[in-house]
PDB file of N, CA and C in Angstrom:
ATOM      1  N   UNK A   1       0.843  -1.172   0.000  1.00  0.00           N
ATOM      2  CA  UNK A   1       0.000   0.000   0.000  1.00  0.00           C
ATOM      3  C   UNK A   1       0.894   1.243   0.000  1.00  0.00           C
ATOM      4  N   UNK A   2       0.591   2.198  -0.840  1.00  0.00           N
ATOM      5  CA  UNK A   2       1.368   3.423  -0.949  1.00  0.00           C
ATOM      6  C   UNK A   2       0.674   4.557  -0.194  1.00  0.00           C
ATOM      7  N   UNK A   3       1.459   5.377   0.473  1.00  0.00           N
ATOM      8  CA  UNK A   3       0.923   6.526   1.207  1.00  0.00           C
ATOM      9  C   UNK A   3       1.697   7.771   0.808  1.00  0.00           C
ATOM     10  N   UNK A   4       1.049   8.942   0.867  1.00  0.00           N
ATOM     11  CA  UNK A   4       1.743  10.186   0.563  1.00  0.00           C
ATOM     12  C   UNK A   4       2.957  10.385   1.475  1.00  0.00           C
ATOM     13  N   UNK A   5       3.919  11.155   1.000  1.00  0.00           N
ATOM     14  CA  UNK A   5       5.149  11.402   1.738  1.00  0.00           C
ATOM     15  C   UNK A   5       4.962  12.606   2.663  1.00  0.00           C
ATOM     16  N   UNK A   6       4.218  12.385   3.762  1.00  0.00           N
ATOM     17  CA  UNK A   6       4.037  13.409   4.785  1.00  0.00           C
ATOM     18  C   UNK A   6       3.879  12.701   6.127  1.00  0.00           C
ATOM     19  N   UNK A   7       3.680  13.463   7.196  1.00  0.00           N
ATOM     20  CA  UNK A   7       3.596  12.865   8.532  1.00  0.00           C
ATOM     21  C   UNK A   7       2.469  11.835   8.632  1.00  0.00           C
ATOM     22  N   UNK A   8       1.292  12.177   8.113  1.00  0.00           N
ATOM     23  CA  UNK A   8       0.173  11.234   8.165  1.00  0.00           C
ATOM     24  C   UNK A   8       0.456   9.991   7.342  1.00  0.00           C
ATOM     25  N   UNK A   9       1.060  10.168   6.183  1.00  0.00           N
ATOM     26  CA  UNK A   9       1.404   9.027   5.338  1.00  0.00           C
ATOM     27  C   UNK A   9       2.411   8.107   6.009  1.00  0.00           C
ATOM     28  N   UNK A  10       3.402   8.692   6.667  1.00  0.00           N
ATOM     29  CA  UNK A  10       4.404   7.883   7.366  1.00  0.00           C
ATOM     30  C   UNK A  10       3.769   7.086   8.499  1.00  0.00           C
ATOM     31  N   UNK A  11       2.898   7.742   9.276  1.00  0.00           N
ATOM     32  CA  UNK A  11       2.246   7.052  10.383  1.00  0.00           C
ATOM     33  C   UNK A  11       1.328   5.937   9.876  1.00  0.00           C
ATOM     34  N   UNK A  12       0.584   6.206   8.814  1.00  0.00           N
ATOM     35  CA  UNK A  12      -0.271   5.170   8.231  1.00  0.00           C
ATOM     36  C   UNK A  12       0.557   3.991   7.729  1.00  0.00           C
ATOM     37  N   UNK A  13       1.685   4.275   7.134  1.00  0.00           N
ATOM     38  CA  UNK A  13       2.568   3.224   6.644  1.00  0.00           C
ATOM     39  C   UNK A  13       3.048   2.339   7.794  1.00  0.00           C
ATOM     40  N   UNK A  14       3.422   2.965   8.905  1.00  0.00           N
ATOM     41  CA  UNK A  14       3.871   2.208  10.077  1.00  0.00           C
ATOM     42  C   UNK A  14       2.746   1.354  10.651  1.00  0.00           C
ATOM     43  N   UNK A  15       1.547   1.922  10.701  1.00  0.00           N
ATOM     44  CA  UNK A  15       0.393   1.189  11.238  1.00  0.00           C
ATOM     45  C   UNK A  15       0.056   0.004  10.336  1.00  0.00           C
ATOM     46  N   UNK A  16       0.080   0.214   9.028  1.00  0.00           N
ATOM     47  CA  UNK A  16      -0.189  -0.878   8.081  1.00  0.00           C
ATOM     48  C   UNK A  16       0.880  -1.958   8.210  1.00  0.00           C
ATOM     49  N   UNK A  17       2.142  -1.553   8.371  1.00  0.00           N
ATOM     50  CA  UNK A  17       3.237  -2.521   8.511  1.00  0.00           C
ATOM     51  C   UNK A  17       3.093  -3.347   9.790  1.00  0.00           C
ATOM     52  N   UNK A  18       2.415  -2.775  10.794  1.00  0.00           N
ATOM     53  CA  UNK A  18       2.184  -3.504  12.044  1.00  0.00           C
ATOM     54  C   UNK A  18       1.024  -4.488  11.918  1.00  0.00           C
ATOM     55  N   UNK A  19       0.372  -4.500  10.737  1.00  0.00           N
ATOM     56  CA  UNK A  19      -0.675  -5.484  10.491  1.00  0.00           C
ATOM     57  C   UNK A  19      -2.092  -4.991  10.711  1.00  0.00           C
ATOM     58  N   UNK A  20      -2.292  -3.701  10.916  1.00  0.00           N
ATOM     59  CA  UNK A  20      -3.636  -3.164  11.106  1.00  0.00           C
ATOM     60  C   UNK A  20      -4.323  -3.030   9.748  1.00  0.00           C
ATOM     61  N   UNK A  21      -5.566  -3.504   9.666  1.00  0.00           N
ATOM     62  CA  UNK A  21      -6.345  -3.419   8.427  1.00  0.00           C
ATOM     63  C   UNK A  21      -6.917  -2.012   8.305  1.00  0.00           C
ATOM     64  N   UNK A  22      -6.324  -1.209   7.455  1.00  0.00           N
ATOM     65  CA  UNK A  22      -6.737   0.185   7.299  1.00  0.00           C
ATOM     66  C   UNK A  22      -7.987   0.354   6.441  1.00  0.00           C
ATOM     67  N   UNK A  23      -8.564  -0.747   5.984  1.00  0.00           N
ATOM     68  CA  UNK A  23      -9.817  -0.654   5.229  1.00  0.00           C
ATOM     69  C   UNK A  23     -11.023  -0.801   6.158  1.00  0.00           C
ATOM     70  N   UNK A  24     -10.770  -1.050   7.424  1.00  0.00           N
ATOM     71  CA  UNK A  24     -11.839  -1.248   8.410  1.00  0.00           C
ATOM     72  C   UNK A  24     -11.977  -0.021   9.302  1.00  0.00           C
ATOM     73  N   UNK A  25     -13.163   0.151   9.887  1.00  0.00           N
ATOM     74  CA  UNK A  25     -13.394   1.241  10.835  1.00  0.00           C
ATOM     75  C   UNK A  25     -12.448   1.071  12.035  1.00  0.00           C
ATOM     76  N   UNK A  26     -11.876   2.175  12.467  1.00  0.00           N
ATOM     77  CA  UNK A  26     -10.958   2.190  13.604  1.00  0.00           C
ATOM     78  C   UNK A  26     -11.302   3.390  14.485  1.00  0.00           C
ATOM     79  N   UNK A  27     -10.943   3.299  15.758  1.00  0.00           N
ATOM     80  CA  UNK A  27     -11.050   4.447  16.650  1.00  0.00           C
ATOM     81  C   UNK A  27      -9.751   5.240  16.541  1.00  0.00           C
ATOM     82  N   UNK A  28      -9.855   6.458  16.033  1.00  0.00           N
ATOM     83  CA  UNK A  28      -8.692   7.322  15.864  1.00  0.00           C
ATOM     84  C   UNK A  28      -8.741   8.388  16.956  1.00  0.00           C
ATOM     85  N   UNK A  29      -7.652   8.516  17.696  1.00  0.00           N
ATOM     86  CA  UNK A  29      -7.551   9.504  18.758  1.00  0.00           C
ATOM     87  C   UNK A  29      -6.814  10.734  18.235  1.00  0.00           C
ATOM     88  N   UNK A  30      -7.474  11.882  18.313  1.00  0.00           N
ATOM     89  CA  UNK A  30      -6.871  13.157  17.935  1.00  0.00           C
ATOM     90  C   UNK A  30      -6.564  13.916  19.220  1.00  0.00           C
ATOM     91  N   UNK A  31      -5.365  14.474  19.302  1.00  0.00           N
ATOM     92  CA  UNK A  31      -4.908  15.158  20.504  1.00  0.00           C
ATOM     93  C   UNK A  31      -4.905  16.667  20.267  1.00  0.00           C
ATOM     94  N   UNK A  32      -5.623  17.384  21.149  1.00  0.00           N
ATOM     95  CA  UNK A  32      -5.722  18.843  21.057  1.00  0.00           C
ATOM     96  C   UNK A  32      -5.240  19.403  22.396  1.00  0.00           C
ATOM     97  N   UNK A  33      -4.325  20.370  22.338  1.00  0.00           N
ATOM     98  CA  UNK A  33      -3.706  20.921  23.541  1.00  0.00           C
ATOM     99  C   UNK A  33      -4.157  22.354  23.804  1.00  0.00           C
ATOM    100  N   UNK A  34      -4.246  22.676  25.101  1.00  0.00           N
ATOM    101  CA  UNK A  34      -4.682  24.006  25.550  1.00  0.00           C
ATOM    102  C   UNK A  34      -3.849  24.423  26.749  1.00  0.00           C
ATOM    103  N   UNK A  35      -3.530  25.707  26.815  1.00  0.00           N
ATOM    104  CA  UNK A  35      -2.821  26.245  27.971  1.00  0.00           C
ATOM    105  C   UNK A  35      -3.776  26.434  29.149  1.00  0.00           C
ATOM    106  N   UNK A  36      -5.027  26.781  28.851  1.00  0.00           N
ATOM    107  CA  UNK A  36      -6.014  27.083  29.892  1.00  0.00           C
ATOM    108  C   UNK A  36      -7.130  26.035  29.905  1.00  0.00           C
ATOM    109  N   UNK A  37      -7.473  25.578  31.099  1.00  0.00           N
ATOM    110  CA  UNK A  37      -8.529  24.574  31.248  1.00  0.00           C
ATOM    111  C   UNK A  37      -9.860  25.076  30.697  1.00  0.00           C
ATOM    112  N   UNK A  38     -10.198  26.340  30.937  1.00  0.00           N
ATOM    113  CA  UNK A  38     -11.492  26.846  30.467  1.00  0.00           C
ATOM    114  C   UNK A  38     -11.592  26.802  28.947  1.00  0.00           C
ATOM    115  N   UNK A  39     -10.493  27.021  28.244  1.00  0.00           N
ATOM    116  CA  UNK A  39     -10.515  26.920  26.785  1.00  0.00           C
ATOM    117  C   UNK A  39     -10.731  25.478  26.349  1.00  0.00           C
ATOM    118  N   UNK A  40     -10.103  24.541  27.051  1.00  0.00           N
ATOM    119  CA  UNK A  40     -10.297  23.116  26.754  1.00  0.00           C
ATOM    120  C   UNK A  40     -11.746  22.716  26.986  1.00  0.00           C
ATOM    121  N   UNK A  41     -12.325  23.203  28.064  1.00  0.00           N
ATOM    122  CA  UNK A  41     -13.719  22.879  28.369  1.00  0.00           C
ATOM    123  C   UNK A  41     -14.671  23.464  27.332  1.00  0.00           C
ATOM    124  N   UNK A  42     -14.374  24.666  26.835  1.00  0.00           N
ATOM    125  CA  UNK A  42     -15.216  25.263  25.784  1.00  0.00           C
ATOM    126  C   UNK A  42     -15.090  24.463  24.482  1.00  0.00           C
ATOM    127  N   UNK A  43     -13.887  23.997  24.187  1.00  0.00           N
ATOM    128  CA  UNK A  43     -13.693  23.155  23.010  1.00  0.00           C
ATOM    129  C   UNK A  43     -14.522  21.879  23.144  1.00  0.00           C
ATOM    130  N   UNK A  44     -14.465  21.253  24.309  1.00  0.00           N
ATOM    131  CA  UNK A  44     -15.233  20.016  24.543  1.00  0.00           C
ATOM    132  C   UNK A  44     -16.727  20.274  24.368  1.00  0.00           C
ATOM    133  N   UNK A  45     -17.201  21.400  24.888  1.00  0.00           N
ATOM    134  CA  UNK A  45     -18.616  21.732  24.755  1.00  0.00           C
ATOM    135  C   UNK A  45     -18.994  21.909  23.285  1.00  0.00           C
ATOM    136  N   UNK A  46     -18.139  22.591  22.543  1.00  0.00           N
ATOM    137  CA  UNK A  46     -18.401  22.824  21.116  1.00  0.00           C
ATOM    138  C   UNK A  46     -18.357  21.520  20.327  1.00  0.00           C
ATOM    139  N   UNK A  47     -17.306  20.747  20.507  1.00  0.00           N
ATOM    140  CA  UNK A  47     -17.134  19.528  19.714  1.00  0.00           C
ATOM    141  C   UNK A  47     -18.129  18.441  20.142  1.00  0.00           C
ATOM    142  N   UNK A  48     -18.598  18.512  21.379  1.00  0.00           N
ATOM    143  CA  UNK A  48     -19.576  17.544  21.871  1.00  0.00           C
ATOM    144  C   UNK A  48     -20.904  17.624  21.148  1.00  0.00           C
ATOM    145  N   UNK A  49     -21.179  18.771  20.546  1.00  0.00           N
ATOM    146  CA  UNK A  49     -22.424  18.952  19.787  1.00  0.00           C
ATOM    147  C   UNK A  49     -22.295  18.419  18.369  1.00  0.00           C
ATOM    148  N   UNK A  50     -21.099  18.052  17.972  1.00  0.00           N
ATOM    149  CA  UNK A  50     -20.811  17.597  16.616  1.00  0.00           C
ATOM    150  C   UNK A  50     -20.877  16.071  16.580  1.00  0.00           C
ATOM    151  N   UNK A  51     -21.660  15.533  15.693  1.00  0.00           N
ATOM    152  CA  UNK A  51     -21.784  14.076  15.598  1.00  0.00           C
ATOM    153  C   UNK A  51     -20.482  13.405  15.197  1.00  0.00           C
ATOM    154  N   UNK A  52     -19.570  14.153  14.586  1.00  0.00           N
ATOM    155  CA  UNK A  52     -18.289  13.596  14.163  1.00  0.00           C
ATOM    156  C   UNK A  52     -17.477  13.090  15.360  1.00  0.00           C
ATOM    157  N   UNK A  53     -17.470  13.851  16.437  1.00  0.00           N
ATOM    158  CA  UNK A  53     -16.566  13.555  17.546  1.00  0.00           C
ATOM    159  C   UNK A  53     -17.267  13.652  18.897  1.00  0.00           C
ATOM    160  N   UNK A  54     -18.193  12.760  19.171  1.00  0.00           N
ATOM    161  CA  UNK A  54     -18.917  12.865  20.442  1.00  0.00           C
ATOM    162  C   UNK A  54     -18.125  12.380  21.654  1.00  0.00           C
ATOM    163  N   UNK A  55     -17.010  11.668  21.442  1.00  0.00           N
ATOM    164  CA  UNK A  55     -16.254  11.115  22.567  1.00  0.00           C
ATOM    165  C   UNK A  55     -15.001  11.950  22.819  1.00  0.00           C
ATOM    166  N   UNK A  56     -14.958  12.587  23.997  1.00  0.00           N
ATOM    167  CA  UNK A  56     -13.792  13.382  24.371  1.00  0.00           C
ATOM    168  C   UNK A  56     -13.402  13.087  25.809  1.00  0.00           C
ATOM    169  N   UNK A  57     -12.131  13.303  26.108  1.00  0.00           N
ATOM    170  CA  UNK A  57     -11.613  13.180  27.474  1.00  0.00           C
ATOM    171  C   UNK A  57     -10.678  14.344  27.716  1.00  0.00           C
ATOM    172  N   UNK A  58     -10.741  14.903  28.920  1.00  0.00           N
ATOM    173  CA  UNK A  58      -9.869  16.004  29.295  1.00  0.00           C
ATOM    174  C   UNK A  58      -8.863  15.514  30.324  1.00  0.00           C
ATOM    175  N   UNK A  59      -7.609  15.833  30.113  1.00  0.00           N
ATOM    176  CA  UNK A  59      -6.559  15.469  31.061  1.00  0.00           C
ATOM    177  C   UNK A  59      -5.514  16.566  31.098  1.00  0.00           C
ATOM    178  N   UNK A  60      -4.653  16.484  32.091  1.00  0.00           N
ATOM    179  CA  UNK A  60      -3.586  17.472  32.223  1.00  0.00           C
ATOM    180  C   UNK A  60      -2.258  16.741  32.247  1.00  0.00           C
ATOM    181  N   UNK A  61      -1.334  17.186  31.420  1.00  0.00           N
ATOM    182  CA  UNK A  61      -0.010  16.581  31.375  1.00  0.00           C
ATOM    183  C   UNK A  61       0.736  16.955  32.658  1.00  0.00           C
ATOM    184  N   UNK A  62       1.146  15.962  33.458  1.00  0.00           N
ATOM    185  CA  UNK A  62       1.832  16.274  34.711  1.00  0.00           C
ATOM    186  C   UNK A  62       3.202  16.921  34.505  1.00  0.00           C
ATOM    187  N   UNK A  63       3.818  16.689  33.357  1.00  0.00           N
ATOM    188  CA  UNK A  63       5.144  17.245  33.094  1.00  0.00           C
ATOM    189  C   UNK A  63       5.100  18.690  32.615  1.00  0.00           C
ATOM    190  N   UNK A  64       4.148  18.996  31.721  1.00  0.00           N
ATOM    191  CA  UNK A  64       4.114  20.330  31.110  1.00  0.00           C
ATOM    192  C   UNK A  64       3.026  21.230  31.673  1.00  0.00           C
ATOM    193  N   UNK A  65       1.999  20.638  32.305  1.00  0.00           N
ATOM    194  CA  UNK A  65       0.882  21.424  32.812  1.00  0.00           C
ATOM    195  C   UNK A  65      -0.108  21.827  31.737  1.00  0.00           C
ATOM    196  N   UNK A  66       0.095  21.352  30.508  1.00  0.00           N
ATOM    197  CA  UNK A  66      -0.805  21.663  29.395  1.00  0.00           C
ATOM    198  C   UNK A  66      -2.028  20.750  29.481  1.00  0.00           C
ATOM    199  N   UNK A  67      -3.186  21.305  29.182  1.00  0.00           N
ATOM    200  CA  UNK A  67      -4.424  20.531  29.150  1.00  0.00           C
ATOM    201  C   UNK A  67      -4.552  19.844  27.798  1.00  0.00           C
ATOM    202  N   UNK A  68      -4.906  18.572  27.835  1.00  0.00           N
ATOM    203  CA  UNK A  68      -5.028  17.784  26.608  1.00  0.00           C
ATOM    204  C   UNK A  68      -6.438  17.242  26.492  1.00  0.00           C
ATOM    205  N   UNK A  69      -7.033  17.491  25.330  1.00  0.00           N
ATOM    206  CA  UNK A  69      -8.332  16.902  25.026  1.00  0.00           C
ATOM    207  C   UNK A  69      -8.088  15.792  24.015  1.00  0.00           C
ATOM    208  N   UNK A  70      -8.502  14.598  24.383  1.00  0.00           N
ATOM    209  CA  UNK A  70      -8.427  13.437  23.508  1.00  0.00           C
ATOM    210  C   UNK A  70      -9.805  13.290  22.872  1.00  0.00           C
ATOM    211  N   UNK A  71      -9.864  13.448  21.563  1.00  0.00           N
ATOM    212  CA  UNK A  71     -11.118  13.342  20.816  1.00  0.00           C
ATOM    213  C   UNK A  71     -11.045  12.096  19.951  1.00  0.00           C
ATOM    214  N   UNK A  72     -11.956  11.153  20.191  1.00  0.00           N
ATOM    215  CA  UNK A  72     -11.950   9.886  19.463  1.00  0.00           C
ATOM    216  C   UNK A  72     -13.002   9.919  18.362  1.00  0.00           C
ATOM    217  N   UNK A  73     -12.551   9.618  17.148  1.00  0.00           N
ATOM    218  CA  UNK A  73     -13.434   9.579  15.981  1.00  0.00           C
ATOM    219  C   UNK A  73     -13.345   8.168  15.387  1.00  0.00           C
ATOM    220  N   UNK A  74     -14.491   7.532  15.178  1.00  0.00           N
ATOM    221  CA  UNK A  74     -14.526   6.220  14.547  1.00  0.00           C
ATOM    222  C   UNK A  74     -14.654   6.431  13.050  1.00  0.00           C
ATOM    223  N   UNK A  75     -13.652   5.921  12.314  1.00  0.00           N
ATOM    224  CA  UNK A  75     -13.601   6.158  10.880  1.00  0.00           C
ATOM    225  C   UNK A  75     -12.681   5.152  10.212  1.00  0.00           C
ATOM    226  N   UNK A  76     -12.783   5.049   8.896  1.00  0.00           N
ATOM    227  CA  UNK A  76     -11.792   4.301   8.124  1.00  0.00           C
ATOM    228  C   UNK A  76     -10.595   5.238   7.978  1.00  0.00           C
ATOM    229  N   UNK A  77      -9.404   4.817   8.406  1.00  0.00           N
ATOM    230  CA  UNK A  77      -8.256   5.723   8.420  1.00  0.00           C
ATOM    231  C   UNK A  77      -7.607   5.936   7.050  1.00  0.00           C
ATOM    232  N   UNK A  78      -8.367   6.529   6.147  1.00  0.00           N
ATOM    233  CA  UNK A  78      -7.833   6.888   4.836  1.00  0.00           C
ATOM    234  C   UNK A  78      -7.063   8.202   4.976  1.00  0.00           C
ATOM    235  N   UNK A  79      -5.970   8.326   4.259  1.00  0.00           N
ATOM    236  CA  UNK A  79      -5.095   9.486   4.391  1.00  0.00           C
ATOM    237  C   UNK A  79      -5.841  10.819   4.248  1.00  0.00           C
ATOM    238  N   UNK A  80      -6.590  10.980   3.173  1.00  0.00           N
ATOM    239  CA  UNK A  80      -7.280  12.250   2.927  1.00  0.00           C
ATOM    240  C   UNK A  80      -8.306  12.549   4.015  1.00  0.00           C
ATOM    241  N   UNK A  81      -9.062  11.534   4.427  1.00  0.00           N
ATOM    242  CA  UNK A  81     -10.075  11.716   5.464  1.00  0.00           C
ATOM    243  C   UNK A  81      -9.423  12.067   6.805  1.00  0.00           C
ATOM    244  N   UNK A  82      -8.333  11.405   7.133  1.00  0.00           N
ATOM    245  CA  UNK A  82      -7.603  11.723   8.369  1.00  0.00           C
ATOM    246  C   UNK A  82      -7.123  13.167   8.356  1.00  0.00           C
ATOM    247  N   UNK A  83      -6.533  13.576   7.257  1.00  0.00           N
ATOM    248  CA  UNK A  83      -6.012  14.941   7.143  1.00  0.00           C
ATOM    249  C   UNK A  83      -7.128  15.964   7.261  1.00  0.00           C
ATOM    250  N   UNK A  84      -8.263  15.697   6.622  1.00  0.00           N
ATOM    251  CA  UNK A  84      -9.398  16.619   6.685  1.00  0.00           C
ATOM    252  C   UNK A  84      -9.958  16.705   8.100  1.00  0.00           C
ATOM    253  N   UNK A  85     -10.077  15.566   8.765  1.00  0.00           N
ATOM    254  CA  UNK A  85     -10.600  15.539  10.132  1.00  0.00           C
ATOM    255  C   UNK A  85      -9.659  16.280  11.072  1.00  0.00           C
ATOM    256  N   UNK A  86      -8.376  16.046  10.910  1.00  0.00           N
ATOM    257  CA  UNK A  86      -7.374  16.729  11.727  1.00  0.00           C
ATOM    258  C   UNK A  86      -7.473  18.250  11.538  1.00  0.00           C
ATOM    259  N   UNK A  87      -7.580  18.698  10.303  1.00  0.00           N
ATOM    260  CA  UNK A  87      -7.693  20.130  10.017  1.00  0.00           C
ATOM    261  C   UNK A  87      -8.984  20.711  10.588  1.00  0.00           C
ATOM    262  N   UNK A  88     -10.069  19.958  10.484  1.00  0.00           N
ATOM    263  CA  UNK A  88     -11.362  20.414  11.008  1.00  0.00           C
ATOM    264  C   UNK A  88     -11.293  20.605  12.517  1.00  0.00           C
ATOM    265  N   UNK A  89     -10.783  19.591  13.225  1.00  0.00           N
ATOM    266  CA  UNK A  89     -10.688  19.684  14.686  1.00  0.00           C
ATOM    267  C   UNK A  89      -9.749  20.818  15.103  1.00  0.00           C
ATOM    268  N   UNK A  90      -8.657  20.978  14.381  1.00  0.00           N
ATOM    269  CA  UNK A  90      -7.719  22.058  14.696  1.00  0.00           C
ATOM    270  C   UNK A  90      -8.345  23.428  14.463  1.00  0.00           C
ATOM    271  N   UNK A  91      -9.191  23.554  13.439  1.00  0.00           N
ATOM    272  CA  UNK A  91      -9.832  24.847  13.180  1.00  0.00           C
ATOM    273  C   UNK A  91     -10.759  25.223  14.345  1.00  0.00           C
ATOM    274  N   UNK A  92     -11.438  24.248  14.912  1.00  0.00           N
ATOM    275  CA  UNK A  92     -12.290  24.507  16.071  1.00  0.00           C
ATOM    276  C   UNK A  92     -11.416  24.806  17.287  1.00  0.00           C
ATOM    277  N   UNK A  93     -10.357  24.029  17.469  1.00  0.00           N
ATOM    278  CA  UNK A  93      -9.450  24.250  18.600  1.00  0.00           C
ATOM    279  C   UNK A  93      -8.829  25.641  18.537  1.00  0.00           C
ATOM    280  N   UNK A  94      -8.431  26.069  17.346  1.00  0.00           N
ATOM    281  CA  UNK A  94      -7.804  27.385  17.195  1.00  0.00           C
ATOM    282  C   UNK A  94      -8.719  28.504  17.680  1.00  0.00           C
ATOM    283  N   UNK A  95     -10.024  28.350  17.468  1.00  0.00           N
ATOM    284  CA  UNK A  95     -10.965  29.377  17.910  1.00  0.00           C
ATOM    285  C   UNK A  95     -11.116  29.388  19.430  1.00  0.00           C
ATOM    286  N   UNK A  96     -10.568  28.380  20.095  1.00  0.00           N
ATOM    287  CA  UNK A  96     -10.577  28.303  21.562  1.00  0.00           C
ATOM    288  C   UNK A  96      -9.146  28.340  22.123  1.00  0.00           C
ATOM    289  N   UNK A  97      -8.224  28.894  21.339  1.00  0.00           N
ATOM    290  CA  UNK A  97      -6.826  29.040  21.729  1.00  0.00           C
ATOM    291  C   UNK A  97      -6.130  27.694  21.991  1.00  0.00           C
ATOM    292  N   UNK A  98      -6.526  26.690  21.212  1.00  0.00           N
ATOM    293  CA  UNK A  98      -5.895  25.381  21.295  1.00  0.00           C
ATOM    294  C   UNK A  98      -5.192  25.053  20.000  1.00  0.00           C
ATOM    295  N   UNK A  99      -4.481  23.943  20.004  1.00  0.00           N
ATOM    296  CA  UNK A  99      -3.764  23.526  18.799  1.00  0.00           C
ATOM    297  C   UNK A  99      -3.666  22.011  18.754  1.00  0.00           C
ATOM    298  N   UNK A 100      -3.616  21.491  17.542  1.00  0.00           N
ATOM    299  CA  UNK A 100      -3.536  20.050  17.342  1.00  0.00           C
ATOM    300  C   UNK A 100      -2.150  19.520  17.670  1.00  0.00           C
ATOM    301  N   UNK A 101      -2.133  18.283  18.168  1.00  0.00           N
ATOM    302  CA  UNK A 101      -0.864  17.629  18.493  1.00  0.00           C
ATOM    303  C   UNK A 101      -0.829  16.218  17.910  1.00  0.00           C
ATOM    304  N   UNK A 102      -1.464  16.047  16.745  1.00  0.00           N
ATOM    305  CA  UNK A 102      -1.396  14.770  16.053  1.00  0.00           C
ATOM    306  C   UNK A 102      -2.526  13.826  16.392  1.00  0.00           C
ATOM    307  N   UNK A 103      -2.342  12.581  15.954  1.00  0.00           N
ATOM    308  CA  UNK A 103      -3.359  11.556  16.139  1.00  0.00           C
ATOM    309  C   UNK A 103      -2.682  10.206  16.321  1.00  0.00           C
ATOM    310  N   UNK A 104      -3.467   9.259  16.775  1.00  0.00           N
ATOM    311  CA  UNK A 104      -2.965   7.903  16.950  1.00  0.00           C
ATOM    312  C   UNK A 104      -4.096   6.898  16.825  1.00  0.00           C
ATOM    313  N   UNK A 105      -3.716   5.659  16.676  1.00  0.00           N
ATOM    314  CA  UNK A 105      -4.680   4.567  16.510  1.00  0.00           C
ATOM    315  C   UNK A 105      -4.223   3.433  17.408  1.00  0.00           C
ATOM    316  N   UNK A 106      -5.104   3.016  18.292  1.00  0.00           N
ATOM    317  CA  UNK A 106      -4.793   1.891  19.167  1.00  0.00           C
ATOM    318  C   UNK A 106      -5.515   0.662  18.612  1.00  0.00           C
ATOM    319  N   UNK A 107      -4.808  -0.152  17.871  1.00  0.00           N
ATOM    320  CA  UNK A 107      -5.384  -1.338  17.240  1.00  0.00           C
ATOM    321  C   UNK A 107      -5.915  -2.291  18.291  1.00  0.00           C
ATOM    322  N   UNK A 108      -7.083  -2.856  17.998  1.00  0.00           N
ATOM    323  CA  UNK A 108      -7.652  -3.847  18.890  1.00  0.00           C
ATOM    324  C   UNK A 108      -8.509  -3.252  19.993  1.00  0.00           C
ATOM    325  N   UNK A 109      -8.629  -1.936  20.064  1.00  0.00           N
ATOM    326  CA  UNK A 109      -9.467  -1.315  21.067  1.00  0.00           C
ATOM    327  C   UNK A 109     -10.916  -1.442  20.661  1.00  0.00           C
ATOM    328  N   UNK A 110     -11.757  -1.619  21.626  1.00  0.00           N
ATOM    329  CA  UNK A 110     -13.209  -1.651  21.376  1.00  0.00           C
ATOM    330  C   UNK A 110     -13.864  -0.570  22.174  1.00  0.00           C
TER     331      UNK A 110
END
């Protein structure tokens, strides 16, 4: 399977090499970071109304003190769709003074 030569393509290539079937629905975790808890909470409130990403978790990094919102989206991890979803979530985060910090896929999670 060929993937574009960018960060998402490299990660997809690694995931495929690990034996994950990328043609199947997967839970993709998108990480959004915030300096202020209230901004993270406003992001959660906004994104919670969106059917795309109803599952979110708020946590605080003990090392950096940055607030992290983990937004889980169930989707087929196609490169273009992943990139579009990442950009969409980041555009909402930006309006709440947050920023994207990538995504991950935990194979075998239910």
